[in-house]
Amino acid sequence: MHIRKYNKIYDESKILQLIKNEEGWDYANNNLVEKYKAALEESITYVAQIDDLVCGYSRSINDCGLYIYVCDLLVAREYRGKEIGRKLMECIYIDYPDQIVYVLSDVDKYYEKLGYKHEGSIFEVRKK
């Protein structure tokens, strides 16, 4: 398994297929796909690859050097339990050792298993 930075030419369609295969992830639907393609390119995105297969990725946002927010971490179901998610997360704090990294999560138990400390919560801001 090899982890590297995202390359639009090689990875875009493979990541979108990975998302389509995952229940509950809607970034690849017609309403969001073009915006998400741009987000992949503009974010800190790492790709986990085995041979020619993209088996996972992470996408994070750098908040002007203050903090990094991990927005997406996805490993294909058949590759889970092989430390791929952990290794994708490690790339962030290896490449950005002086920044605080937060995860925006809806799977808290996974991050707790990795030993990360729970900090606050997230709310969706909506117009009434």
N, C-alpha and C. Protein backbone atom coordinates (compact mmCIF):
# COMPACT_ATOMS: atom_id res chain seq x y z
N MET A 1 0.85 -1.18 0.00
CA MET A 1 0.00 0.00 0.00
C MET A 1 0.89 1.24 0.00
N HIS A 2 0.49 2.20 -0.78
CA HIS A 2 1.25 3.43 -0.94
C HIS A 2 0.29 4.61 -0.72
N ILE A 3 0.73 5.62 0.03
CA ILE A 3 -0.06 6.84 0.22
C ILE A 3 0.70 7.99 -0.40
N ARG A 4 -0.03 8.80 -1.14
CA ARG A 4 0.58 9.94 -1.82
C ARG A 4 -0.42 11.08 -1.91
N LYS A 5 0.06 12.22 -2.34
CA LYS A 5 -0.83 13.38 -2.55
C LYS A 5 -1.72 13.12 -3.77
N TYR A 6 -2.88 13.73 -3.74
CA TYR A 6 -3.89 13.62 -4.79
C TYR A 6 -3.38 14.16 -6.12
N ASN A 7 -3.71 13.47 -7.20
CA ASN A 7 -3.43 13.92 -8.56
C ASN A 7 -4.73 13.82 -9.34
N LYS A 8 -5.24 14.96 -9.76
CA LYS A 8 -6.54 15.02 -10.43
C LYS A 8 -6.64 14.03 -11.59
N ILE A 9 -5.64 13.98 -12.43
CA ILE A 9 -5.68 13.14 -13.63
C ILE A 9 -5.82 11.66 -13.26
N TYR A 10 -5.07 11.21 -12.27
CA TYR A 10 -5.06 9.80 -11.91
C TYR A 10 -6.16 9.41 -10.93
N ASP A 11 -6.56 10.35 -10.07
CA ASP A 11 -7.37 9.98 -8.92
C ASP A 11 -8.83 10.42 -8.93
N GLU A 12 -9.16 11.46 -9.66
CA GLU A 12 -10.50 12.03 -9.56
C GLU A 12 -11.60 10.98 -9.79
N SER A 13 -11.57 10.29 -10.89
CA SER A 13 -12.64 9.33 -11.19
C SER A 13 -12.64 8.16 -10.22
N LYS A 14 -11.47 7.76 -9.75
CA LYS A 14 -11.38 6.63 -8.82
C LYS A 14 -11.95 6.99 -7.45
N ILE A 15 -11.69 8.21 -7.00
CA ILE A 15 -12.26 8.66 -5.72
C ILE A 15 -13.76 8.81 -5.84
N LEU A 16 -14.24 9.35 -6.95
CA LEU A 16 -15.69 9.50 -7.14
C LEU A 16 -16.37 8.13 -7.16
N GLN A 17 -15.72 7.14 -7.73
CA GLN A 17 -16.28 5.79 -7.73
C GLN A 17 -16.29 5.21 -6.32
N LEU A 18 -15.24 5.44 -5.57
CA LEU A 18 -15.17 5.01 -4.17
C LEU A 18 -16.32 5.62 -3.38
N ILE A 19 -16.60 6.89 -3.60
CA ILE A 19 -17.70 7.58 -2.92
C ILE A 19 -19.04 7.00 -3.34
N LYS A 20 -19.22 6.76 -4.63
CA LYS A 20 -20.48 6.19 -5.12
C LYS A 20 -20.77 4.83 -4.49
N ASN A 21 -19.72 4.08 -4.19
CA ASN A 21 -19.88 2.76 -3.61
C ASN A 21 -20.19 2.79 -2.11
N GLU A 22 -20.07 3.97 -1.49
CA GLU A 22 -20.25 4.09 -0.04
C GLU A 22 -21.63 4.66 0.28
N GLU A 23 -22.39 3.93 1.04
CA GLU A 23 -23.72 4.37 1.43
C GLU A 23 -23.64 5.63 2.29
N GLY A 24 -24.49 6.60 1.99
CA GLY A 24 -24.55 7.82 2.79
C GLY A 24 -23.63 8.93 2.33
N TRP A 25 -22.78 8.68 1.36
CA TRP A 25 -21.89 9.72 0.83
C TRP A 25 -22.50 10.22 -0.48
N ASP A 26 -22.81 11.50 -0.54
CA ASP A 26 -23.51 12.01 -1.72
C ASP A 26 -22.69 13.00 -2.54
N TYR A 27 -21.41 13.12 -2.28
CA TYR A 27 -20.57 14.06 -3.02
C TYR A 27 -20.54 13.78 -4.52
N ALA A 28 -20.78 12.56 -4.92
CA ALA A 28 -20.68 12.20 -6.33
C ALA A 28 -22.00 12.37 -7.07
N ASN A 29 -23.04 12.85 -6.38
CA ASN A 29 -24.32 13.02 -7.08
C ASN A 29 -24.27 14.26 -7.98
N ASN A 30 -25.23 14.37 -8.86
CA ASN A 30 -25.22 15.42 -9.89
C ASN A 30 -25.18 16.83 -9.32
N ASN A 31 -25.76 17.05 -8.14
CA ASN A 31 -25.81 18.40 -7.57
C ASN A 31 -24.48 18.84 -6.97
N LEU A 32 -23.66 17.91 -6.53
CA LEU A 32 -22.44 18.26 -5.81
C LEU A 32 -21.14 17.90 -6.52
N VAL A 33 -21.19 17.07 -7.51
CA VAL A 33 -19.96 16.48 -8.05
C VAL A 33 -18.96 17.52 -8.56
N GLU A 34 -19.39 18.53 -9.25
CA GLU A 34 -18.44 19.52 -9.79
C GLU A 34 -17.78 20.31 -8.67
N LYS A 35 -18.56 20.68 -7.66
CA LYS A 35 -18.00 21.38 -6.51
C LYS A 35 -17.02 20.49 -5.76
N TYR A 36 -17.36 19.21 -5.65
CA TYR A 36 -16.49 18.30 -4.92
C TYR A 36 -15.18 18.03 -5.66
N LYS A 37 -15.25 17.97 -6.97
CA LYS A 37 -14.02 17.83 -7.76
C LYS A 37 -13.07 18.99 -7.48
N ALA A 38 -13.61 20.20 -7.43
CA ALA A 38 -12.79 21.37 -7.11
C ALA A 38 -12.25 21.29 -5.69
N ALA A 39 -13.09 20.82 -4.76
CA ALA A 39 -12.66 20.69 -3.37
C ALA A 39 -11.51 19.70 -3.23
N LEU A 40 -11.57 18.59 -3.94
CA LEU A 40 -10.48 17.62 -3.89
C LEU A 40 -9.16 18.25 -4.31
N GLU A 41 -9.23 19.08 -5.32
CA GLU A 41 -8.02 19.69 -5.84
C GLU A 41 -7.49 20.81 -4.94
N GLU A 42 -8.38 21.56 -4.32
CA GLU A 42 -7.98 22.71 -3.51
C GLU A 42 -7.65 22.34 -2.07
N SER A 43 -8.00 21.16 -1.65
CA SER A 43 -7.79 20.72 -0.27
C SER A 43 -6.47 19.98 -0.13
N ILE A 44 -6.14 19.61 1.09
CA ILE A 44 -5.03 18.70 1.35
C ILE A 44 -5.62 17.30 1.20
N THR A 45 -5.35 16.66 0.10
CA THR A 45 -5.96 15.37 -0.19
C THR A 45 -4.86 14.31 -0.37
N TYR A 46 -5.00 13.23 0.38
CA TYR A 46 -4.10 12.09 0.27
C TYR A 46 -4.87 10.90 -0.26
N VAL A 47 -4.18 10.07 -1.02
CA VAL A 47 -4.78 8.90 -1.64
C VAL A 47 -4.01 7.65 -1.22
N ALA A 48 -4.74 6.63 -0.79
CA ALA A 48 -4.15 5.34 -0.48
C ALA A 48 -4.38 4.43 -1.69
N GLN A 49 -3.32 3.79 -2.15
CA GLN A 49 -3.39 3.01 -3.37
C GLN A 49 -2.69 1.66 -3.18
N ILE A 50 -3.33 0.62 -3.67
CA ILE A 50 -2.73 -0.70 -3.74
C ILE A 50 -2.72 -1.09 -5.21
N ASP A 51 -1.52 -1.30 -5.74
CA ASP A 51 -1.36 -1.48 -7.18
C ASP A 51 -2.01 -0.30 -7.89
N ASP A 52 -2.98 -0.52 -8.76
CA ASP A 52 -3.63 0.58 -9.47
C ASP A 52 -4.97 0.97 -8.85
N LEU A 53 -5.30 0.38 -7.71
CA LEU A 53 -6.60 0.58 -7.07
C LEU A 53 -6.52 1.63 -5.97
N VAL A 54 -7.35 2.66 -6.07
CA VAL A 54 -7.49 3.62 -4.98
C VAL A 54 -8.41 2.98 -3.95
N CYS A 55 -7.87 2.71 -2.76
CA CYS A 55 -8.64 2.01 -1.73
C CYS A 55 -9.06 2.94 -0.59
N GLY A 56 -8.61 4.19 -0.61
CA GLY A 56 -9.01 5.15 0.41
C GLY A 56 -8.45 6.52 0.12
N TYR A 57 -8.98 7.51 0.84
CA TYR A 57 -8.47 8.87 0.71
C TYR A 57 -8.88 9.70 1.93
N SER A 58 -8.19 10.79 2.12
CA SER A 58 -8.58 11.79 3.12
C SER A 58 -8.52 13.15 2.46
N ARG A 59 -9.40 14.03 2.94
CA ARG A 59 -9.44 15.41 2.43
C ARG A 59 -9.53 16.34 3.62
N SER A 60 -8.64 17.33 3.66
CA SER A 60 -8.57 18.26 4.78
C SER A 60 -8.47 19.69 4.28
N ILE A 61 -8.87 20.62 5.13
CA ILE A 61 -8.84 22.05 4.82
C ILE A 61 -7.83 22.71 5.75
N ASN A 62 -6.96 23.51 5.17
CA ASN A 62 -5.99 24.28 5.95
C ASN A 62 -6.58 25.67 6.18
N ASP A 63 -6.81 26.00 7.44
CA ASP A 63 -7.41 27.28 7.81
C ASP A 63 -6.31 28.31 8.04
N CYS A 64 -5.70 28.77 6.96
CA CYS A 64 -4.69 29.83 6.98
C CYS A 64 -3.55 29.56 7.95
N GLY A 65 -3.20 28.31 8.12
CA GLY A 65 -2.10 27.97 9.00
C GLY A 65 -2.46 27.92 10.47
N LEU A 66 -3.72 28.21 10.81
CA LEU A 66 -4.15 28.15 12.21
C LEU A 66 -4.48 26.73 12.63
N TYR A 67 -5.32 26.09 11.85
CA TYR A 67 -5.78 24.74 12.12
C TYR A 67 -5.93 24.00 10.80
N ILE A 68 -5.96 22.68 10.90
CA ILE A 68 -6.33 21.85 9.76
C ILE A 68 -7.56 21.07 10.18
N TYR A 69 -8.55 21.03 9.32
CA TYR A 69 -9.78 20.30 9.57
C TYR A 69 -9.88 19.13 8.59
N VAL A 70 -9.91 17.92 9.12
CA VAL A 70 -10.10 16.74 8.27
C VAL A 70 -11.60 16.64 8.01
N CYS A 71 -11.98 16.77 6.76
CA CYS A 71 -13.40 16.74 6.37
C CYS A 71 -13.85 15.35 5.97
N ASP A 72 -12.99 14.63 5.27
CA ASP A 72 -13.36 13.33 4.73
C ASP A 72 -12.24 12.32 4.95
N LEU A 73 -12.63 11.16 5.39
CA LEU A 73 -11.73 10.01 5.47
C LEU A 73 -12.57 8.81 5.07
N LEU A 74 -12.18 8.17 3.98
CA LEU A 74 -12.95 7.04 3.48
C LEU A 74 -12.00 5.94 3.01
N VAL A 75 -12.26 4.74 3.50
CA VAL A 75 -11.53 3.55 3.05
C VAL A 75 -12.58 2.58 2.53
N ALA A 76 -12.33 2.01 1.37
CA ALA A 76 -13.25 1.04 0.78
C ALA A 76 -13.53 -0.08 1.79
N ARG A 77 -14.75 -0.49 1.85
CA ARG A 77 -15.20 -1.48 2.85
C ARG A 77 -14.29 -2.71 2.90
N GLU A 78 -13.91 -3.22 1.75
CA GLU A 78 -13.11 -4.45 1.72
C GLU A 78 -11.67 -4.25 2.20
N TYR A 79 -11.25 -2.99 2.41
CA TYR A 79 -9.89 -2.71 2.88
C TYR A 79 -9.86 -2.18 4.31
N ARG A 80 -11.00 -2.09 4.95
CA ARG A 80 -11.03 -1.61 6.33
C ARG A 80 -10.40 -2.64 7.26
N GLY A 81 -9.86 -2.15 8.37
CA GLY A 81 -9.20 -3.02 9.33
C GLY A 81 -7.75 -3.29 8.99
N LYS A 82 -7.22 -2.60 7.99
CA LYS A 82 -5.83 -2.81 7.56
C LYS A 82 -4.96 -1.59 7.84
N GLU A 83 -5.43 -0.71 8.75
CA GLU A 83 -4.66 0.48 9.18
C GLU A 83 -4.55 1.56 8.11
N ILE A 84 -5.31 1.48 7.04
CA ILE A 84 -5.22 2.47 5.96
C ILE A 84 -5.71 3.83 6.44
N GLY A 85 -6.84 3.86 7.14
CA GLY A 85 -7.35 5.13 7.67
C GLY A 85 -6.36 5.78 8.61
N ARG A 86 -5.78 5.00 9.50
CA ARG A 86 -4.77 5.52 10.44
C ARG A 86 -3.59 6.13 9.66
N LYS A 87 -3.13 5.43 8.64
CA LYS A 87 -1.98 5.91 7.87
C LYS A 87 -2.31 7.19 7.09
N LEU A 88 -3.53 7.28 6.59
CA LEU A 88 -3.95 8.52 5.92
C LEU A 88 -3.94 9.69 6.90
N MET A 89 -4.43 9.44 8.12
CA MET A 89 -4.44 10.49 9.14
C MET A 89 -3.01 10.89 9.53
N GLU A 90 -2.12 9.95 9.62
CA GLU A 90 -0.74 10.23 10.00
C GLU A 90 -0.07 11.18 9.00
N CYS A 91 -0.42 11.09 7.74
CA CYS A 91 0.17 11.96 6.72
C CYS A 91 -0.03 13.43 7.07
N ILE A 92 -1.18 13.74 7.62
CA ILE A 92 -1.50 15.14 7.93
C ILE A 92 -0.57 15.68 9.00
N TYR A 93 -0.42 14.94 10.10
CA TYR A 93 0.43 15.52 11.14
C TYR A 93 1.91 15.32 10.87
N ILE A 94 2.27 14.46 9.95
CA ILE A 94 3.67 14.38 9.52
C ILE A 94 4.00 15.57 8.63
N ASP A 95 3.13 15.88 7.69
CA ASP A 95 3.37 16.99 6.77
C ASP A 95 3.13 18.36 7.39
N TYR A 96 2.33 18.43 8.45
CA TYR A 96 1.98 19.70 9.10
C TYR A 96 2.20 19.56 10.62
N PRO A 97 3.43 19.34 11.06
CA PRO A 97 3.69 19.02 12.46
C PRO A 97 3.41 20.16 13.44
N ASP A 98 3.39 21.39 12.98
CA ASP A 98 3.20 22.53 13.88
C ASP A 98 1.77 23.03 13.93
N GLN A 99 0.85 22.34 13.27
CA GLN A 99 -0.53 22.79 13.25
C GLN A 99 -1.42 21.85 14.06
N ILE A 100 -2.44 22.42 14.66
CA ILE A 100 -3.44 21.63 15.36
C ILE A 100 -4.38 21.06 14.30
N VAL A 101 -4.69 19.78 14.42
CA VAL A 101 -5.55 19.10 13.46
C VAL A 101 -6.83 18.65 14.16
N TYR A 102 -7.96 19.00 13.58
CA TYR A 102 -9.27 18.56 14.08
C TYR A 102 -9.94 17.70 13.02
N VAL A 103 -10.80 16.80 13.45
CA VAL A 103 -11.56 15.95 12.54
C VAL A 103 -13.03 16.30 12.67
N LEU A 104 -13.69 16.55 11.54
CA LEU A 104 -15.14 16.74 11.51
C LEU A 104 -15.72 15.34 11.31
N SER A 105 -16.36 14.79 12.34
CA SER A 105 -16.67 13.36 12.33
C SER A 105 -18.14 13.06 12.58
N ASP A 106 -18.59 12.00 11.94
CA ASP A 106 -19.87 11.39 12.31
C ASP A 106 -19.64 9.92 12.68
N VAL A 107 -18.38 9.56 12.85
CA VAL A 107 -18.02 8.21 13.31
C VAL A 107 -17.02 8.34 14.46
N ASP A 108 -17.46 8.95 15.55
CA ASP A 108 -16.58 9.26 16.67
C ASP A 108 -15.86 8.03 17.21
N LYS A 109 -16.51 6.88 17.23
CA LYS A 109 -15.89 5.69 17.79
C LYS A 109 -14.61 5.31 17.05
N TYR A 110 -14.56 5.54 15.76
CA TYR A 110 -13.35 5.24 14.99
C TYR A 110 -12.19 6.12 15.47
N TYR A 111 -12.44 7.42 15.61
CA TYR A 111 -11.38 8.33 16.01
C TYR A 111 -10.98 8.13 17.46
N GLU A 112 -11.92 7.75 18.29
CA GLU A 112 -11.60 7.41 19.68
C GLU A 112 -10.68 6.19 19.70
N LYS A 113 -10.95 5.22 18.84
CA LYS A 113 -10.11 4.02 18.73
C LYS A 113 -8.67 4.39 18.34
N LEU A 114 -8.52 5.44 17.53
CA LEU A 114 -7.19 5.91 17.14
C LEU A 114 -6.50 6.68 18.27
N GLY A 115 -7.26 6.96 19.34
CA GLY A 115 -6.68 7.67 20.49
C GLY A 115 -6.83 9.17 20.43
N TYR A 116 -7.67 9.68 19.54
CA TYR A 116 -7.87 11.11 19.44
C TYR A 116 -8.83 11.59 20.52
N LYS A 117 -8.59 12.78 21.01
CA LYS A 117 -9.40 13.36 22.08
C LYS A 117 -10.62 14.06 21.49
N HIS A 118 -11.79 13.82 22.06
CA HIS A 118 -13.03 14.45 21.61
C HIS A 118 -13.02 15.91 22.03
N GLU A 119 -13.26 16.81 21.07
CA GLU A 119 -13.28 18.26 21.32
C GLU A 119 -14.55 18.86 20.75
N GLY A 120 -15.48 19.25 21.58
CA GLY A 120 -16.66 19.98 21.13
C GLY A 120 -17.57 19.21 20.21
N SER A 121 -18.27 19.94 19.36
CA SER A 121 -19.25 19.35 18.44
C SER A 121 -19.38 20.24 17.22
N ILE A 122 -20.24 19.84 16.31
CA ILE A 122 -20.45 20.59 15.08
C ILE A 122 -21.95 20.81 14.89
N PHE A 123 -22.30 21.97 14.41
CA PHE A 123 -23.69 22.31 14.13
C PHE A 123 -23.82 22.80 12.71
N GLU A 124 -24.94 22.53 12.08
CA GLU A 124 -25.23 23.09 10.78
C GLU A 124 -25.98 24.40 10.98
N VAL A 125 -25.49 25.45 10.37
CA VAL A 125 -26.12 26.75 10.46
C VAL A 125 -27.13 26.87 9.32
N ARG A 126 -28.37 27.13 9.68
CA ARG A 126 -29.43 27.24 8.68
C ARG A 126 -30.22 28.53 8.87
N LYS A 127 -30.69 29.05 7.79
CA LYS A 127 -31.55 30.21 7.82
C LYS A 127 -32.94 29.74 8.25
N LYS A 128 -33.57 30.45 9.14
CA LYS A 128 -34.93 30.06 9.60
C LYS A 128 -35.98 30.48 8.63
